[in-house]
Amino acid sequence: MKRDDSQAAPRPPDREPRWHASLAVIAATALYLVLPPRLTFGPVWAAPLLVGALLIPLSILAPLRHQEKRWTRIASIVLIAILNFFNIASVFLLVHGLVFGQAHKAIPGGELLVSGAEVWFTNILVFSLWFWELDGGGPEPRALAATAEAVAGADFLFPQMSMDPRRLACVDDGWKPLFLDYLYLGFTNALAFSPTDVMPLSRWAKMLMLLESLISFVTIAVIVSRSINIIG
């Protein structure tokens, strides 16, 4: 049956919630907390304290990414930057200990595998948050746009943005990327070390994907491979 576009009511803009991204923030913080002390930067309570100081007010005062004030936008970016800093610090501490220290003799191979996996998954969560926060100017401009094609200055090209909904019934004509779409992007980029079905358009998007792939490569190729050698 053909869709009657002339009689279809215009779809109101969506108001994207913060809670799904907040769960990713909590998960990344939890993964950092369970790392061995040698892989944490500073006091172990520093990361959750800084994250909580920003996440709790944002979740209460700005649960929806709509009509945001300047301070909530800045606080959201600073929150992701804090997670990114502690994750990169963990990667550096583990790689430095393995390459220049005696950590590979003191840490059991199983522990190295677990720590490497925790750092790797944290890397995925952090960059998924970056993609979600920065694409097209942020969640608020994307929420106010009627469709993904209407987002001015989109930084990522999702497959749905280049498909004609009149020809493909599985494509929603009001589709817009949500956090889960960026989580998928972060996972596939970390696993394949390259774009899969979502293409970066802007230079900053390419550089962020490059950095995520680099951290993922170091984690997998250096840390995990050394752990397997130790087990063997």
Protein backbone atom coordinates (compact mmCIF):
# COMPACT_ATOMS: atom_id res chain seq x y z
CA MET A 1 0.00 0.00 0.00
CA LYS A 2 1.35 3.41 -0.93
CA ARG A 3 1.96 5.95 1.77
CA ASP A 4 -0.20 9.07 1.40
CA ASP A 5 2.27 11.84 2.22
CA SER A 6 -0.27 14.54 1.50
CA GLN A 7 -2.54 13.38 4.35
CA ALA A 8 0.20 12.43 6.82
CA ALA A 9 0.52 14.82 9.73
CA PRO A 10 3.98 16.32 10.21
CA ARG A 11 5.98 14.46 12.80
CA PRO A 12 6.82 16.57 15.86
CA PRO A 13 10.48 16.89 16.82
CA ASP A 14 11.72 14.31 19.31
CA ARG A 15 13.15 15.24 22.68
CA GLU A 16 16.06 12.91 23.25
CA PRO A 17 16.49 11.78 26.87
CA ARG A 18 19.80 11.76 28.69
CA TRP A 19 19.34 8.55 30.65
CA HIS A 20 20.70 6.10 28.05
CA ALA A 21 23.92 8.09 27.77
CA SER A 22 23.99 8.39 31.57
CA LEU A 23 23.97 4.58 31.80
CA ALA A 24 27.03 4.53 29.54
CA VAL A 25 28.75 7.06 31.82
CA ILE A 26 27.96 4.93 34.87
CA ALA A 27 29.19 1.78 33.12
CA ALA A 28 32.46 3.45 32.08
CA THR A 29 32.99 4.68 35.64
CA ALA A 30 32.27 1.22 37.05
CA LEU A 31 34.77 -0.37 34.64
CA TYR A 32 37.40 2.11 35.76
CA LEU A 33 36.72 1.40 39.45
CA VAL A 34 37.28 -2.35 39.07
CA LEU A 35 40.68 -1.90 37.42
CA PRO A 36 43.72 -2.87 39.51
CA PRO A 37 45.11 0.10 41.52
CA ARG A 38 48.26 0.15 39.36
CA LEU A 39 46.07 1.11 36.38
CA THR A 40 44.20 4.00 38.00
CA PHE A 41 45.41 7.59 37.99
CA GLY A 42 45.52 9.24 41.40
CA PRO A 43 43.11 8.27 44.19
CA VAL A 44 40.58 5.67 43.06
CA TRP A 45 37.71 7.89 44.26
CA ALA A 46 38.78 10.86 42.10
CA ALA A 47 37.10 9.68 38.87
CA PRO A 48 33.69 8.75 40.37
CA LEU A 49 33.68 11.95 42.44
CA LEU A 50 34.27 14.16 39.39
CA VAL A 51 31.81 12.20 37.27
CA GLY A 52 29.11 12.24 39.94
CA ALA A 53 29.55 15.98 40.54
CA LEU A 54 28.51 16.58 36.93
CA LEU A 55 26.24 13.63 36.10
CA ILE A 56 23.86 14.01 39.04
CA PRO A 57 23.01 17.71 38.45
CA LEU A 58 22.69 17.11 34.70
CA SER A 59 20.35 14.15 35.22
CA ILE A 60 18.14 16.14 37.59
CA LEU A 61 18.15 19.58 35.97
CA ALA A 62 18.43 18.60 32.30
CA PRO A 63 16.99 15.09 31.78
CA LEU A 64 16.03 15.95 28.21
CA ARG A 65 18.40 17.35 25.59
CA HIS A 66 16.05 20.19 24.68
CA GLN A 67 16.39 23.95 25.20
CA GLU A 68 19.68 23.43 26.96
CA LYS A 69 21.47 26.21 28.71
CA ARG A 70 25.09 26.96 28.00
CA TRP A 71 26.28 25.48 31.30
CA THR A 72 24.57 22.14 30.70
CA ARG A 73 26.18 21.84 27.26
CA ILE A 74 29.63 22.67 28.69
CA ALA A 75 29.12 20.31 31.64
CA SER A 76 28.16 17.47 29.28
CA ILE A 77 31.36 17.93 27.27
CA VAL A 78 33.54 18.23 30.38
CA LEU A 79 31.98 15.04 31.77
CA ILE A 80 32.99 13.05 28.68
CA ALA A 81 36.44 14.65 28.70
CA ILE A 82 36.97 13.48 32.30
CA LEU A 83 36.07 9.90 31.38
CA ASN A 84 38.34 10.10 28.34
CA PHE A 85 41.26 11.38 30.42
CA PHE A 86 41.09 8.56 32.97
CA ASN A 87 40.68 5.94 30.25
CA ILE A 88 43.72 7.18 28.32
CA ALA A 89 45.66 7.32 31.60
CA SER A 90 44.81 3.65 32.22
CA VAL A 91 45.97 2.70 28.73
CA PHE A 92 49.24 4.57 29.25
CA LEU A 93 49.87 3.05 32.69
CA LEU A 94 49.28 -0.50 31.48
CA VAL A 95 51.31 -0.16 28.28
CA HIS A 96 54.12 1.63 30.11
CA GLY A 97 54.23 -1.10 32.74
CA LEU A 98 54.31 -3.84 30.13
CA VAL A 99 56.90 -2.25 27.84
CA PHE A 100 59.23 -0.47 30.26
CA GLY A 101 58.57 -2.16 33.59
CA GLN A 102 58.30 -5.61 35.06
CA ALA A 103 54.49 -5.69 35.18
CA HIS A 104 54.30 -8.54 32.68
CA LYS A 105 56.17 -10.75 35.15
CA ALA A 106 54.16 -9.76 38.22
CA ILE A 107 50.61 -9.61 36.83
CA PRO A 108 48.95 -12.93 35.96
CA GLY A 109 47.96 -13.30 32.32
CA GLY A 110 44.29 -13.67 33.18
CA GLU A 111 44.30 -10.37 35.05
CA LEU A 112 45.92 -8.67 32.08
CA LEU A 113 43.22 -10.02 29.77
CA VAL A 114 40.46 -8.78 32.07
CA SER A 115 42.08 -5.37 32.49
CA GLY A 116 42.60 -5.03 28.75
CA ALA A 117 38.96 -5.89 28.10
CA GLU A 118 37.79 -3.34 30.67
CA VAL A 119 39.92 -0.61 29.12
CA TRP A 120 38.72 -1.57 25.63
CA PHE A 121 35.02 -1.47 26.53
CA THR A 122 35.51 1.82 28.36
CA ASN A 123 37.11 3.22 25.21
CA ILE A 124 34.01 2.24 23.21
CA LEU A 125 31.66 3.88 25.70
CA VAL A 126 33.68 7.10 25.89
CA PHE A 127 33.89 7.62 22.14
CA SER A 128 30.25 6.67 21.67
CA LEU A 129 29.49 9.53 24.05
CA TRP A 130 31.74 11.87 22.06
CA PHE A 131 30.00 10.96 18.79
CA TRP A 132 26.57 11.39 20.38
CA GLU A 133 27.47 14.69 22.02
CA LEU A 134 29.11 16.39 19.03
CA ASP A 135 27.38 15.13 15.89
CA GLY A 136 25.50 17.91 14.13
CA GLY A 137 26.03 20.35 16.98
CA GLY A 138 24.75 18.03 19.70
CA PRO A 139 21.61 16.18 20.78
CA GLU A 140 19.50 19.34 21.04
CA PRO A 141 19.82 20.44 17.37
CA ARG A 142 19.24 16.83 16.30
CA ALA A 143 16.14 16.60 18.51
CA LEU A 144 14.70 19.80 17.05
CA ALA A 145 15.21 18.59 13.47
CA ALA A 146 12.30 16.70 11.93
CA THR A 147 14.58 14.12 10.29
CA ALA A 148 18.26 13.25 10.16
CA GLU A 149 18.50 14.89 6.75
CA ALA A 150 17.31 18.15 8.30
CA VAL A 151 20.22 18.31 10.76
CA ALA A 152 22.44 21.16 9.60
CA GLY A 153 26.11 20.22 9.49
CA ALA A 154 25.76 16.51 10.24
CA ASP A 155 29.18 14.98 10.94
CA PHE A 156 28.24 11.33 10.29
CA LEU A 157 26.41 9.78 7.37
CA PHE A 158 24.17 6.94 8.55
CA PRO A 159 22.71 4.54 5.94
CA GLN A 160 19.16 5.74 6.65
CA MET A 161 20.17 9.26 5.63
CA SER A 162 20.87 8.16 2.07
CA MET A 163 17.86 5.90 1.56
CA ASP A 164 14.50 6.86 0.11
CA PRO A 165 11.71 5.93 2.58
CA ARG A 166 9.24 5.89 -0.32
CA ARG A 167 11.09 2.96 -1.84
CA LEU A 168 12.05 1.07 1.33
CA ALA A 169 9.27 0.37 3.81
CA CYS A 170 11.81 -0.52 6.52
CA VAL A 171 13.18 3.04 6.55
CA ASP A 172 11.36 5.44 8.86
CA ASP A 173 10.97 8.83 7.17
CA GLY A 174 11.39 10.51 10.55
CA TRP A 175 14.48 8.52 11.55
CA LYS A 176 17.21 10.24 13.56
CA PRO A 177 20.26 8.73 15.26
CA LEU A 178 19.99 8.14 19.01
CA PHE A 179 22.66 7.10 21.49
CA LEU A 180 22.40 3.40 20.62
CA ASP A 181 23.29 4.26 17.03
CA TYR A 182 26.46 6.00 18.21
CA LEU A 183 27.23 3.09 20.53
CA TYR A 184 27.08 0.79 17.50
CA LEU A 185 29.37 3.19 15.64
CA GLY A 186 31.85 3.20 18.54
CA PHE A 187 31.86 -0.59 18.81
CA THR A 188 32.34 -1.31 15.11
CA ASN A 189 35.05 1.34 14.78
CA ALA A 190 36.94 -0.09 17.77
CA LEU A 191 36.65 -3.62 16.41
CA ALA A 192 37.35 -3.00 12.72
CA PHE A 193 39.75 -0.03 13.17
CA SER A 194 37.86 1.68 10.32
CA PRO A 195 34.38 2.93 9.36
CA THR A 196 31.86 0.22 8.57
CA ASP A 197 28.44 1.47 7.46
CA VAL A 198 28.60 4.92 9.11
CA MET A 199 30.94 7.35 7.38
CA PRO A 200 32.60 10.37 9.04
CA LEU A 201 32.07 13.59 7.11
CA SER A 202 33.86 16.30 9.06
CA ARG A 203 37.55 16.41 9.95
CA TRP A 204 36.92 16.30 13.70
CA ALA A 205 34.76 13.18 13.26
CA LYS A 206 37.57 11.52 11.32
CA MET A 207 40.13 12.47 13.96
CA LEU A 208 37.93 11.15 16.79
CA MET A 209 37.44 7.85 14.96
CA LEU A 210 41.18 7.72 14.31
CA LEU A 211 41.94 8.23 18.00
CA GLU A 212 39.44 5.58 19.08
CA SER A 213 40.88 3.10 16.58
CA LEU A 214 44.41 3.86 17.77
CA ILE A 215 43.54 3.27 21.43
CA SER A 216 41.67 0.11 20.50
CA PHE A 217 44.60 -1.15 18.44
CA VAL A 218 47.06 -0.52 21.27
CA THR A 219 44.77 -2.27 23.74
CA ILE A 220 44.19 -5.33 21.56
CA ALA A 221 47.54 -5.67 19.79
CA VAL A 222 49.85 -4.80 22.68
CA ILE A 223 48.02 -5.61 25.91
CA VAL A 224 45.82 -8.55 24.94
CA SER A 225 48.44 -10.21 22.75
CA ARG A 226 50.99 -9.97 25.56
CA SER A 227 48.46 -11.48 27.94
CA ILE A 228 47.90 -14.44 25.61
CA ASN A 229 51.66 -14.96 25.42
CA ILE A 230 51.86 -15.00 29.20
CA ILE A 231 49.04 -17.54 29.47
CA GLY A 232 50.71 -19.70 26.83
